[in-house]
Structure formats: structure tokens, C-alpha cells
Amino acid sequence: MKYAIVEISGRQFWIETGKYYDFNRIATELDKQIILTRVLLVNEDDNLLIGKPYVQNIKVIGKILDHFRGKKTIVYKMRPKKKTRKKQGHRQELTRVLIEDIIIK
């Protein structure tokens, strides 16, 4: 099984080829390829490569599938005994990326 751990959007993701993942909004057009180079770890058939901090000569190729907004989260702030209440909603802008290939040079 071939997988990699990459850093994107300030977070780390365990990714595999052929699956799609939701990242924070990436400002690119739909159906465009992106190349992820911040690879922290790669495992290919029990051959483990660990970076310090990143693994060199590794590329992860993905394709932008969709831009959308995530599920609404409710933020509710209340100060006790003051009759102060504030209800606010937030929807995160997300990008769905299909991982096409992990290339090891």
C-alpha cells in the first residue's frame, strides 16, 4: 500500500492515491492539477522514507474537483448574569482534491 503524509493548508493529511480529500480553500481553477511537495513521510511497499522536515524528490499530483462550503458550525457566546448573548454561524471554504499519483524519483 502506497501512502504519504503531506502538509497542506497548515495541516497534515495521510493521503493515498485514488481518493479525494477536503482541504482549506486553494485559489486555483477547477480541473487543474496541483503538485504537493511538502511531503513529510512516504511508504511504498514497506519502504519507509521520513523527511527532516520534508522528503526530497517526492511529488504528489492532485486534481481540483470542486470548491464548496463546509457544514455550518454555530458559535454561541454568553456572559452569565449580564443578559448578553451572541449567536454566530461559520461555514469554512473548502476545496476537494483527488490524489492521482505519488511520484518517487
PDB file of N, CA and C in Angstrom:
ATOM      1  N   MET A   1       0.839  -1.165   0.000  1.00  0.00           N
ATOM      2  CA  MET A   1       0.000   0.000   0.000  1.00  0.00           C
ATOM      3  C   MET A   1       0.895   1.242   0.000  1.00  0.00           C
ATOM      4  N   LYS A   2       0.607   2.141  -0.915  1.00  0.00           N
ATOM      5  CA  LYS A   2       1.398   3.355  -1.066  1.00  0.00           C
ATOM      6  C   LYS A   2       0.636   4.527  -0.461  1.00  0.00           C
ATOM      7  N   TYR A   3       1.250   5.193   0.512  1.00  0.00           N
ATOM      8  CA  TYR A   3       0.625   6.355   1.116  1.00  0.00           C
ATOM      9  C   TYR A   3       1.691   7.382   1.465  1.00  0.00           C
ATOM     10  N   ALA A   4       1.240   8.598   1.738  1.00  0.00           N
ATOM     11  CA  ALA A   4       2.138   9.677   2.118  1.00  0.00           C
ATOM     12  C   ALA A   4       1.447  10.562   3.144  1.00  0.00           C
ATOM     13  N   ILE A   5       2.255  11.233   3.936  1.00  0.00           N
ATOM     14  CA  ILE A   5       1.742  12.251   4.850  1.00  0.00           C
ATOM     15  C   ILE A   5       2.261  13.587   4.333  1.00  0.00           C
ATOM     16  N   VAL A   6       1.331  14.476   3.956  1.00  0.00           N
ATOM     17  CA  VAL A   6       1.704  15.764   3.382  1.00  0.00           C
ATOM     18  C   VAL A   6       1.183  16.897   4.254  1.00  0.00           C
ATOM     19  N   GLU A   7       1.834  18.055   4.102  1.00  0.00           N
ATOM     20  CA  GLU A   7       1.404  19.256   4.815  1.00  0.00           C
ATOM     21  C   GLU A   7       0.807  20.206   3.791  1.00  0.00           C
ATOM     22  N   ILE A   8      -0.448  20.559   4.010  1.00  0.00           N
ATOM     23  CA  ILE A   8      -1.138  21.484   3.118  1.00  0.00           C
ATOM     24  C   ILE A   8      -2.158  22.269   3.948  1.00  0.00           C
ATOM     25  N   SER A   9      -2.294  23.521   3.659  1.00  0.00           N
ATOM     26  CA  SER A   9      -3.233  24.408   4.353  1.00  0.00           C
ATOM     27  C   SER A   9      -2.945  24.486   5.844  1.00  0.00           C
ATOM     28  N   GLY A  10      -1.696  24.325   6.235  1.00  0.00           N
ATOM     29  CA  GLY A  10      -1.342  24.407   7.645  1.00  0.00           C
ATOM     30  C   GLY A  10      -1.677  23.173   8.454  1.00  0.00           C
ATOM     31  N   ARG A  11      -2.106  22.106   7.800  1.00  0.00           N
ATOM     32  CA  ARG A  11      -2.463  20.861   8.470  1.00  0.00           C
ATOM     33  C   ARG A  11      -1.753  19.701   7.795  1.00  0.00           C
ATOM     34  N   GLN A  12      -1.725  18.566   8.478  1.00  0.00           N
ATOM     35  CA  GLN A  12      -1.092  17.369   7.926  1.00  0.00           C
ATOM     36  C   GLN A  12      -2.164  16.332   7.614  1.00  0.00           C
ATOM     37  N   PHE A  13      -2.032  15.689   6.435  1.00  0.00           N
ATOM     38  CA  PHE A  13      -3.012  14.712   5.979  1.00  0.00           C
ATOM     39  C   PHE A  13      -2.307  13.432   5.566  1.00  0.00           C
ATOM     40  N   TRP A  14      -2.914  12.308   5.904  1.00  0.00           N
ATOM     41  CA  TRP A  14      -2.487  10.992   5.438  1.00  0.00           C
ATOM     42  C   TRP A  14      -3.245  10.768   4.134  1.00  0.00           C
ATOM     43  N   ILE A  15      -2.529  10.679   2.995  1.00  0.00           N
ATOM     44  CA  ILE A  15      -3.212  10.565   1.712  1.00  0.00           C
ATOM     45  C   ILE A  15      -2.802   9.290   0.989  1.00  0.00           C
ATOM     46  N   GLU A  16      -3.719   8.792   0.172  1.00  0.00           N
ATOM     47  CA  GLU A  16      -3.495   7.625  -0.674  1.00  0.00           C
ATOM     48  C   GLU A  16      -3.955   7.961  -2.080  1.00  0.00           C
ATOM     49  N   THR A  17      -3.424   7.262  -3.064  1.00  0.00           N
ATOM     50  CA  THR A  17      -3.805   7.531  -4.449  1.00  0.00           C
ATOM     51  C   THR A  17      -5.220   7.030  -4.716  1.00  0.00           C
ATOM     52  N   GLY A  18      -5.940   7.751  -5.571  1.00  0.00           N
ATOM     53  CA  GLY A  18      -7.287   7.362  -5.951  1.00  0.00           C
ATOM     54  C   GLY A  18      -8.377   7.834  -5.015  1.00  0.00           C
ATOM     55  N   LYS A  19      -8.032   8.533  -3.940  1.00  0.00           N
ATOM     56  CA  LYS A  19      -9.035   9.025  -3.002  1.00  0.00           C
ATOM     57  C   LYS A  19      -9.077  10.544  -3.057  1.00  0.00           C
ATOM     58  N   TYR A  20     -10.183  11.123  -2.599  1.00  0.00           N
ATOM     59  CA  TYR A  20     -10.272  12.582  -2.568  1.00  0.00           C
ATOM     60  C   TYR A  20     -10.314  13.073  -1.132  1.00  0.00           C
ATOM     61  N   TYR A  21      -9.800  14.310  -0.959  1.00  0.00           N
ATOM     62  CA  TYR A  21      -9.699  14.908   0.364  1.00  0.00           C
ATOM     63  C   TYR A  21     -10.181  16.352   0.299  1.00  0.00           C
ATOM     64  N   ASP A  22     -10.670  16.857   1.416  1.00  0.00           N
ATOM     65  CA  ASP A  22     -11.157  18.231   1.514  1.00  0.00           C
ATOM     66  C   ASP A  22     -10.134  19.066   2.280  1.00  0.00           C
ATOM     67  N   PHE A  23      -9.545  20.042   1.589  1.00  0.00           N
ATOM     68  CA  PHE A  23      -8.575  20.949   2.186  1.00  0.00           C
ATOM     69  C   PHE A  23      -9.205  22.322   2.318  1.00  0.00           C
ATOM     70  N   ASN A  24      -8.566  23.207   3.087  1.00  0.00           N
ATOM     71  CA  ASN A  24      -8.986  24.598   3.108  1.00  0.00           C
ATOM     72  C   ASN A  24      -8.857  25.158   1.704  1.00  0.00           C
ATOM     73  N   ARG A  25      -9.608  26.212   1.399  1.00  0.00           N
ATOM     74  CA  ARG A  25      -9.704  26.742   0.036  1.00  0.00           C
ATOM     75  C   ARG A  25      -8.330  26.966  -0.593  1.00  0.00           C
ATOM     76  N   ILE A  26      -8.136  26.374  -1.779  1.00  0.00           N
ATOM     77  CA  ILE A  26      -6.948  26.577  -2.603  1.00  0.00           C
ATOM     78  C   ILE A  26      -7.393  27.418  -3.787  1.00  0.00           C
ATOM     79  N   ALA A  27      -6.743  28.552  -3.977  1.00  0.00           N
ATOM     80  CA  ALA A  27      -7.178  29.505  -5.001  1.00  0.00           C
ATOM     81  C   ALA A  27      -6.659  29.084  -6.378  1.00  0.00           C
ATOM     82  N   THR A  28      -7.280  28.074  -6.965  1.00  0.00           N
ATOM     83  CA  THR A  28      -6.991  27.640  -8.327  1.00  0.00           C
ATOM     84  C   THR A  28      -8.286  27.258  -9.008  1.00  0.00           C
ATOM     85  N   GLU A  29      -8.213  27.117 -10.325  1.00  0.00           N
ATOM     86  CA  GLU A  29      -9.400  26.804 -11.108  1.00  0.00           C
ATOM     87  C   GLU A  29      -9.751  25.323 -11.004  1.00  0.00           C
ATOM     88  N   LEU A  30     -10.994  25.007 -11.360  1.00  0.00           N
ATOM     89  CA  LEU A  30     -11.440  23.614 -11.362  1.00  0.00           C
ATOM     90  C   LEU A  30     -10.734  22.829 -12.463  1.00  0.00           C
ATOM     91  N   ASP A  31     -10.597  21.525 -12.262  1.00  0.00           N
ATOM     92  CA  ASP A  31      -9.967  20.581 -13.198  1.00  0.00           C
ATOM     93  C   ASP A  31      -8.507  20.915 -13.487  1.00  0.00           C
ATOM     94  N   LYS A  32      -7.858  21.661 -12.616  1.00  0.00           N
ATOM     95  CA  LYS A  32      -6.451  21.983 -12.785  1.00  0.00           C
ATOM     96  C   LYS A  32      -5.638  21.088 -11.867  1.00  0.00           C
ATOM     97  N   GLN A  33      -4.444  20.703 -12.310  1.00  0.00           N
ATOM     98  CA  GLN A  33      -3.591  19.857 -11.492  1.00  0.00           C
ATOM     99  C   GLN A  33      -2.774  20.704 -10.528  1.00  0.00           C
ATOM    100  N   ILE A  34      -2.573  20.162  -9.332  1.00  0.00           N
ATOM    101  CA  ILE A  34      -1.690  20.804  -8.373  1.00  0.00           C
ATOM    102  C   ILE A  34      -0.631  19.795  -7.964  1.00  0.00           C
ATOM    103  N   ILE A  35       0.530  20.301  -7.593  1.00  0.00           N
ATOM    104  CA  ILE A  35       1.637  19.445  -7.168  1.00  0.00           C
ATOM    105  C   ILE A  35       1.969  19.791  -5.725  1.00  0.00           C
ATOM    106  N   LEU A  36       1.904  18.798  -4.869  1.00  0.00           N
ATOM    107  CA  LEU A  36       2.221  18.968  -3.459  1.00  0.00           C
ATOM    108  C   LEU A  36       3.649  18.489  -3.228  1.00  0.00           C
ATOM    109  N   THR A  37       4.500  19.360  -2.699  1.00  0.00           N
ATOM    110  CA  THR A  37       5.900  18.997  -2.485  1.00  0.00           C
ATOM    111  C   THR A  37       6.280  18.929  -1.013  1.00  0.00           C
ATOM    112  N   ARG A  38       5.398  19.374  -0.135  1.00  0.00           N
ATOM    113  CA  ARG A  38       5.684  19.307   1.300  1.00  0.00           C
ATOM    114  C   ARG A  38       5.303  17.933   1.835  1.00  0.00           C
ATOM    115  N   VAL A  39       6.092  16.951   1.493  1.00  0.00           N
ATOM    116  CA  VAL A  39       5.830  15.567   1.880  1.00  0.00           C
ATOM    117  C   VAL A  39       6.669  15.247   3.113  1.00  0.00           C
ATOM    118  N   LEU A  40       6.026  14.816   4.179  1.00  0.00           N
ATOM    119  CA  LEU A  40       6.714  14.517   5.430  1.00  0.00           C
ATOM    120  C   LEU A  40       7.140  13.057   5.529  1.00  0.00           C
ATOM    121  N   LEU A  41       6.341  12.159   4.937  1.00  0.00           N
ATOM    122  CA  LEU A  41       6.616  10.730   5.046  1.00  0.00           C
ATOM    123  C   LEU A  41       6.021  10.017   3.834  1.00  0.00           C
ATOM    124  N   VAL A  42       6.726   8.997   3.337  1.00  0.00           N
ATOM    125  CA  VAL A  42       6.220   8.184   2.221  1.00  0.00           C
ATOM    126  C   VAL A  42       6.447   6.718   2.556  1.00  0.00           C
ATOM    127  N   ASN A  43       5.422   5.894   2.316  1.00  0.00           N
ATOM    128  CA  ASN A  43       5.551   4.451   2.492  1.00  0.00           C
ATOM    129  C   ASN A  43       5.130   3.792   1.188  1.00  0.00           C
ATOM    130  N   GLU A  44       6.066   3.020   0.610  1.00  0.00           N
ATOM    131  CA  GLU A  44       5.776   2.285  -0.625  1.00  0.00           C
ATOM    132  C   GLU A  44       6.242   0.852  -0.435  1.00  0.00           C
ATOM    133  N   ASP A  45       5.279  -0.042  -0.270  1.00  0.00           N
ATOM    134  CA  ASP A  45       5.573  -1.468  -0.081  1.00  0.00           C
ATOM    135  C   ASP A  45       6.602  -1.698   1.022  1.00  0.00           C
ATOM    136  N   ASP A  46       6.330  -1.161   2.210  1.00  0.00           N
ATOM    137  CA  ASP A  46       7.181  -1.280   3.402  1.00  0.00           C
ATOM    138  C   ASP A  46       8.549  -0.625   3.247  1.00  0.00           C
ATOM    139  N   ASN A  47       8.714   0.255   2.262  1.00  0.00           N
ATOM    140  CA  ASN A  47       9.916   1.073   2.142  1.00  0.00           C
ATOM    141  C   ASN A  47       9.559   2.456   2.666  1.00  0.00           C
ATOM    142  N   LEU A  48       9.990   2.757   3.886  1.00  0.00           N
ATOM    143  CA  LEU A  48       9.570   3.969   4.578  1.00  0.00           C
ATOM    144  C   LEU A  48      10.618   5.064   4.417  1.00  0.00           C
ATOM    145  N   LEU A  49      10.193   6.236   3.916  1.00  0.00           N
ATOM    146  CA  LEU A  49      11.064   7.402   3.790  1.00  0.00           C
ATOM    147  C   LEU A  49      10.530   8.495   4.702  1.00  0.00           C
ATOM    148  N   ILE A  50      11.386   8.971   5.610  1.00  0.00           N
ATOM    149  CA  ILE A  50      10.987  10.012   6.553  1.00  0.00           C
ATOM    150  C   ILE A  50      11.826  11.247   6.283  1.00  0.00           C
ATOM    151  N   GLY A  51      11.175  12.399   6.186  1.00  0.00           N
ATOM    152  CA  GLY A  51      11.858  13.648   5.887  1.00  0.00           C
ATOM    153  C   GLY A  51      12.312  14.380   7.131  1.00  0.00           C
ATOM    154  N   LYS A  52      13.265  15.302   6.915  1.00  0.00           N
ATOM    155  CA  LYS A  52      13.796  16.130   8.001  1.00  0.00           C
ATOM    156  C   LYS A  52      13.824  17.573   7.564  1.00  0.00           C
ATOM    157  N   PRO A  53      12.793  18.350   7.524  1.00  0.00           N
ATOM    158  CA  PRO A  53      11.398  18.025   7.820  1.00  0.00           C
ATOM    159  C   PRO A  53      10.660  17.448   6.615  1.00  0.00           C
ATOM    160  N   TYR A  54      11.142  17.688   5.374  1.00  0.00           N
ATOM    161  CA  TYR A  54      10.437  17.184   4.190  1.00  0.00           C
ATOM    162  C   TYR A  54      11.306  16.185   3.444  1.00  0.00           C
ATOM    163  N   VAL A  55      10.654  15.243   2.759  1.00  0.00           N
ATOM    164  CA  VAL A  55      11.344  14.261   1.934  1.00  0.00           C
ATOM    165  C   VAL A  55      11.657  14.914   0.586  1.00  0.00           C
ATOM    166  N   GLN A  56      12.878  14.785   0.122  1.00  0.00           N
ATOM    167  CA  GLN A  56      13.291  15.365  -1.151  1.00  0.00           C
ATOM    168  C   GLN A  56      12.886  14.453  -2.308  1.00  0.00           C
ATOM    169  N   ASN A  57      12.700  15.022  -3.495  1.00  0.00           N
ATOM    170  CA  ASN A  57      12.409  14.305  -4.746  1.00  0.00           C
ATOM    171  C   ASN A  57      11.109  13.501  -4.715  1.00  0.00           C
ATOM    172  N   ILE A  58      10.133  13.965  -3.977  1.00  0.00           N
ATOM    173  CA  ILE A  58       8.823  13.329  -3.932  1.00  0.00           C
ATOM    174  C   ILE A  58       7.788  14.360  -4.369  1.00  0.00           C
ATOM    175  N   LYS A  59       6.881  13.942  -5.253  1.00  0.00           N
ATOM    176  CA  LYS A  59       5.787  14.804  -5.678  1.00  0.00           C
ATOM    177  C   LYS A  59       4.473  14.052  -5.524  1.00  0.00           C
ATOM    178  N   VAL A  60       3.471  14.781  -5.090  1.00  0.00           N
ATOM    179  CA  VAL A  60       2.121  14.234  -5.028  1.00  0.00           C
ATOM    180  C   VAL A  60       1.286  15.059  -5.993  1.00  0.00           C
ATOM    181  N   ILE A  61       0.690  14.396  -6.974  1.00  0.00           N
ATOM    182  CA  ILE A  61      -0.085  15.090  -8.003  1.00  0.00           C
ATOM    183  C   ILE A  61      -1.567  14.911  -7.696  1.00  0.00           C
ATOM    184  N   GLY A  62      -2.269  16.049  -7.656  1.00  0.00           N
ATOM    185  CA  GLY A  62      -3.701  16.035  -7.385  1.00  0.00           C
ATOM    186  C   GLY A  62      -4.456  16.861  -8.404  1.00  0.00           C
ATOM    187  N   LYS A  63      -5.755  16.672  -8.434  1.00  0.00           N
ATOM    188  CA  LYS A  63      -6.621  17.396  -9.374  1.00  0.00           C
ATOM    189  C   LYS A  63      -7.748  18.046  -8.583  1.00  0.00           C
ATOM    190  N   ILE A  64      -7.989  19.329  -8.836  1.00  0.00           N
ATOM    191  CA  ILE A  64      -9.045  20.065  -8.151  1.00  0.00           C
ATOM    192  C   ILE A  64     -10.395  19.610  -8.704  1.00  0.00           C
ATOM    193  N   LEU A  65     -11.248  19.070  -7.831  1.00  0.00           N
ATOM    194  CA  LEU A  65     -12.563  18.606  -8.262  1.00  0.00           C
ATOM    195  C   LEU A  65     -13.659  19.637  -8.032  1.00  0.00           C
ATOM    196  N   ASP A  66     -13.616  20.320  -6.875  1.00  0.00           N
ATOM    197  CA  ASP A  66     -14.739  21.182  -6.526  1.00  0.00           C
ATOM    198  C   ASP A  66     -14.325  22.194  -5.468  1.00  0.00           C
ATOM    199  N   HIS A  67     -14.955  23.352  -5.505  1.00  0.00           N
ATOM    200  CA  HIS A  67     -14.877  24.344  -4.438  1.00  0.00           C
ATOM    201  C   HIS A  67     -16.260  24.397  -3.789  1.00  0.00           C
ATOM    202  N   PHE A  68     -16.306  24.312  -2.472  1.00  0.00           N
ATOM    203  CA  PHE A  68     -17.603  24.332  -1.800  1.00  0.00           C
ATOM    204  C   PHE A  68     -17.425  24.853  -0.385  1.00  0.00           C
ATOM    205  N   ARG A  69     -18.541  24.988   0.303  1.00  0.00           N
ATOM    206  CA  ARG A  69     -18.521  25.445   1.684  1.00  0.00           C
ATOM    207  C   ARG A  69     -18.886  24.281   2.593  1.00  0.00           C
ATOM    208  N   GLY A  70     -18.197  24.178   3.702  1.00  0.00           N
ATOM    209  CA  GLY A  70     -18.404  23.079   4.633  1.00  0.00           C
ATOM    210  C   GLY A  70     -19.672  23.226   5.445  1.00  0.00           C
ATOM    211  N   LYS A  71     -19.871  22.306   6.333  1.00  0.00           N
ATOM    212  CA  LYS A  71     -21.041  22.288   7.196  1.00  0.00           C
ATOM    213  C   LYS A  71     -21.004  23.478   8.152  1.00  0.00           C
ATOM    214  N   LYS A  72     -22.161  24.020   8.450  1.00  0.00           N
ATOM    215  CA  LYS A  72     -22.235  25.200   9.323  1.00  0.00           C
ATOM    216  C   LYS A  72     -21.943  24.814  10.769  1.00  0.00           C
ATOM    217  N   THR A  73     -21.088  25.612  11.404  1.00  0.00           N
ATOM    218  CA  THR A  73     -20.837  25.458  12.828  1.00  0.00           C
ATOM    219  C   THR A  73     -21.400  26.681  13.539  1.00  0.00           C
ATOM    220  N   ILE A  74     -21.969  26.455  14.687  1.00  0.00           N
ATOM    221  CA  ILE A  74     -22.593  27.522  15.459  1.00  0.00           C
ATOM    222  C   ILE A  74     -21.652  27.930  16.599  1.00  0.00           C
ATOM    223  N   VAL A  75     -21.406  29.229  16.713  1.00  0.00           N
ATOM    224  CA  VAL A  75     -20.608  29.788  17.795  1.00  0.00           C
ATOM    225  C   VAL A  75     -21.576  30.566  18.688  1.00  0.00           C
ATOM    226  N   TYR A  76     -21.671  30.182  19.938  1.00  0.00           N
ATOM    227  CA  TYR A  76     -22.604  30.824  20.858  1.00  0.00           C
ATOM    228  C   TYR A  76     -21.830  31.327  22.059  1.00  0.00           C
ATOM    229  N   LYS A  77     -21.855  32.631  22.269  1.00  0.00           N
ATOM    230  CA  LYS A  77     -21.160  33.229  23.400  1.00  0.00           C
ATOM    231  C   LYS A  77     -22.198  33.852  24.334  1.00  0.00           C
ATOM    232  N   MET A  78     -21.990  33.615  25.624  1.00  0.00           N
ATOM    233  CA  MET A  78     -22.938  34.129  26.607  1.00  0.00           C
ATOM    234  C   MET A  78     -22.174  34.525  27.864  1.00  0.00           C
ATOM    235  N   ARG A  79     -22.501  35.698  28.394  1.00  0.00           N
ATOM    236  CA  ARG A  79     -21.932  36.123  29.671  1.00  0.00           C
ATOM    237  C   ARG A  79     -22.990  35.912  30.734  1.00  0.00           C
ATOM    238  N   PRO A  80     -22.696  35.124  31.726  1.00  0.00           N
ATOM    239  CA  PRO A  80     -23.705  34.840  32.743  1.00  0.00           C
ATOM    240  C   PRO A  80     -24.062  36.083  33.559  1.00  0.00           C
ATOM    241  N   LYS A  81     -25.321  36.171  33.904  1.00  0.00           N
ATOM    242  CA  LYS A  81     -25.882  37.235  34.741  1.00  0.00           C
ATOM    243  C   LYS A  81     -25.836  38.608  34.095  1.00  0.00           C
ATOM    244  N   LYS A  82     -25.558  38.715  32.809  1.00  0.00           N
ATOM    245  CA  LYS A  82     -25.472  40.011  32.141  1.00  0.00           C
ATOM    246  C   LYS A  82     -26.488  40.169  31.018  1.00  0.00           C
ATOM    247  N   LYS A  83     -27.227  39.131  30.703  1.00  0.00           N
ATOM    248  CA  LYS A  83     -28.178  39.124  29.594  1.00  0.00           C
ATOM    249  C   LYS A  83     -27.505  39.473  28.263  1.00  0.00           C
ATOM    250  N   THR A  84     -26.284  39.014  28.112  1.00  0.00           N
ATOM    251  CA  THR A  84     -25.542  39.232  26.865  1.00  0.00           C
ATOM    252  C   THR A  84     -25.385  37.897  26.163  1.00  0.00           C
ATOM    253  N   ARG A  85     -25.933  37.815  24.964  1.00  0.00           N
ATOM    254  CA  ARG A  85     -25.837  36.589  24.186  1.00  0.00           C
ATOM    255  C   ARG A  85     -25.473  36.940  22.759  1.00  0.00           C
ATOM    256  N   LYS A  86     -24.644  36.099  22.150  1.00  0.00           N
ATOM    257  CA  LYS A  86     -24.232  36.337  20.757  1.00  0.00           C
ATOM    258  C   LYS A  86     -24.189  34.990  20.052  1.00  0.00           C
ATOM    259  N   LYS A  87     -25.010  34.852  19.031  1.00  0.00           N
ATOM    260  CA  LYS A  87     -25.041  33.619  18.253  1.00  0.00           C
ATOM    261  C   LYS A  87     -24.529  33.924  16.858  1.00  0.00           C
ATOM    262  N   GLN A  88     -23.575  33.135  16.423  1.00  0.00           N
ATOM    263  CA  GLN A  88     -22.918  33.399  15.148  1.00  0.00           C
ATOM    264  C   GLN A  88     -22.665  32.064  14.452  1.00  0.00           C
ATOM    265  N   GLY A  89     -22.798  32.059  13.130  1.00  0.00           N
ATOM    266  CA  GLY A  89     -22.528  30.853  12.360  1.00  0.00           C
ATOM    267  C   GLY A  89     -21.285  31.026  11.499  1.00  0.00           C
ATOM    268  N   HIS A  90     -20.672  29.906  11.138  1.00  0.00           N
ATOM    269  CA  HIS A  90     -19.486  29.945  10.287  1.00  0.00           C
ATOM    270  C   HIS A  90     -19.491  28.745   9.353  1.00  0.00           C
ATOM    271  N   ARG A  91     -19.198  28.997   8.074  1.00  0.00           N
ATOM    272  CA  ARG A  91     -19.032  27.921   7.097  1.00  0.00           C
ATOM    273  C   ARG A  91     -17.673  28.087   6.452  1.00  0.00           C
ATOM    274  N   GLN A  92     -16.838  27.062   6.561  1.00  0.00           N
ATOM    275  CA  GLN A  92     -15.473  27.107   6.045  1.00  0.00           C
ATOM    276  C   GLN A  92     -15.468  26.871   4.541  1.00  0.00           C
ATOM    277  N   GLU A  93     -14.668  27.655   3.822  1.00  0.00           N
ATOM    278  CA  GLU A  93     -14.478  27.469   2.384  1.00  0.00           C
ATOM    279  C   GLU A  93     -13.522  26.304   2.182  1.00  0.00           C
ATOM    280  N   LEU A  94     -13.934  25.310   1.401  1.00  0.00           N
ATOM    281  CA  LEU A  94     -13.144  24.090   1.203  1.00  0.00           C
ATOM    282  C   LEU A  94     -12.906  23.820  -0.270  1.00  0.00           C
ATOM    283  N   THR A  95     -11.881  23.024  -0.547  1.00  0.00           N
ATOM    284  CA  THR A  95     -11.560  22.562  -1.894  1.00  0.00           C
ATOM    285  C   THR A  95     -11.406  21.055  -1.848  1.00  0.00           C
ATOM    286  N   ARG A  96     -12.084  20.360  -2.756  1.00  0.00           N
ATOM    287  CA  ARG A  96     -11.976  18.904  -2.850  1.00  0.00           C
ATOM    288  C   ARG A  96     -10.924  18.561  -3.883  1.00  0.00           C
ATOM    289  N   VAL A  97      -9.931  17.740  -3.480  1.00  0.00           N
ATOM    290  CA  VAL A  97      -8.795  17.390  -4.343  1.00  0.00           C
ATOM    291  C   VAL A  97      -8.726  15.874  -4.467  1.00  0.00           C
ATOM    292  N   LEU A  98      -8.634  15.390  -5.706  1.00  0.00           N
ATOM    293  CA  LEU A  98      -8.435  13.965  -5.980  1.00  0.00           C
ATOM    294  C   LEU A  98      -6.944  13.715  -6.125  1.00  0.00           C
ATOM    295  N   ILE A  99      -6.413  12.785  -5.347  1.00  0.00           N
ATOM    296  CA  ILE A  99      -4.990  12.453  -5.414  1.00  0.00           C
ATOM    297  C   ILE A  99      -4.805  11.435  -6.528  1.00  0.00           C
ATOM    298  N   GLU A 100      -4.056  11.836  -7.561  1.00  0.00           N
ATOM    299  CA  GLU A 100      -3.873  10.971  -8.728  1.00  0.00           C
ATOM    300  C   GLU A 100      -2.653  10.063  -8.606  1.00  0.00           C
ATOM    301  N   ASP A 101      -1.549  10.595  -8.105  1.00  0.00           N
ATOM    302  CA  ASP A 101      -0.329   9.800  -8.097  1.00  0.00           C
ATOM    303  C   ASP A 101       0.657  10.331  -7.063  1.00  0.00           C
ATOM    304  N   ILE A 102       1.471   9.427  -6.519  1.00  0.00           N
ATOM    305  CA  ILE A 102       2.606   9.780  -5.667  1.00  0.00           C
ATOM    306  C   ILE A 102       3.856   9.360  -6.426  1.00  0.00           C
ATOM    307  N   ILE A 103       4.662  10.322  -6.831  1.00  0.00           N
ATOM    308  CA  ILE A 103       5.828  10.057  -7.670  1.00  0.00           C
ATOM    309  C   ILE A 103       7.096  10.095  -6.825  1.00  0.00           C
ATOM    310  N   ILE A 104       7.845   8.995  -6.865  1.00  0.00           N
ATOM    311  CA  ILE A 104       9.133   8.901  -6.165  1.00  0.00           C
ATOM    312  C   ILE A 104      10.223   8.855  -7.225  1.00  0.00           C
ATOM    313  N   LYS A 105      11.080   9.868  -7.191  1.00  0.00           N
ATOM    314  CA  LYS A 105      12.158   9.922  -8.210  1.00  0.00           C
ATOM    315  C   LYS A 105      13.378   9.145  -7.761  1.00  0.00           C
TER     316      LYS A 105
END
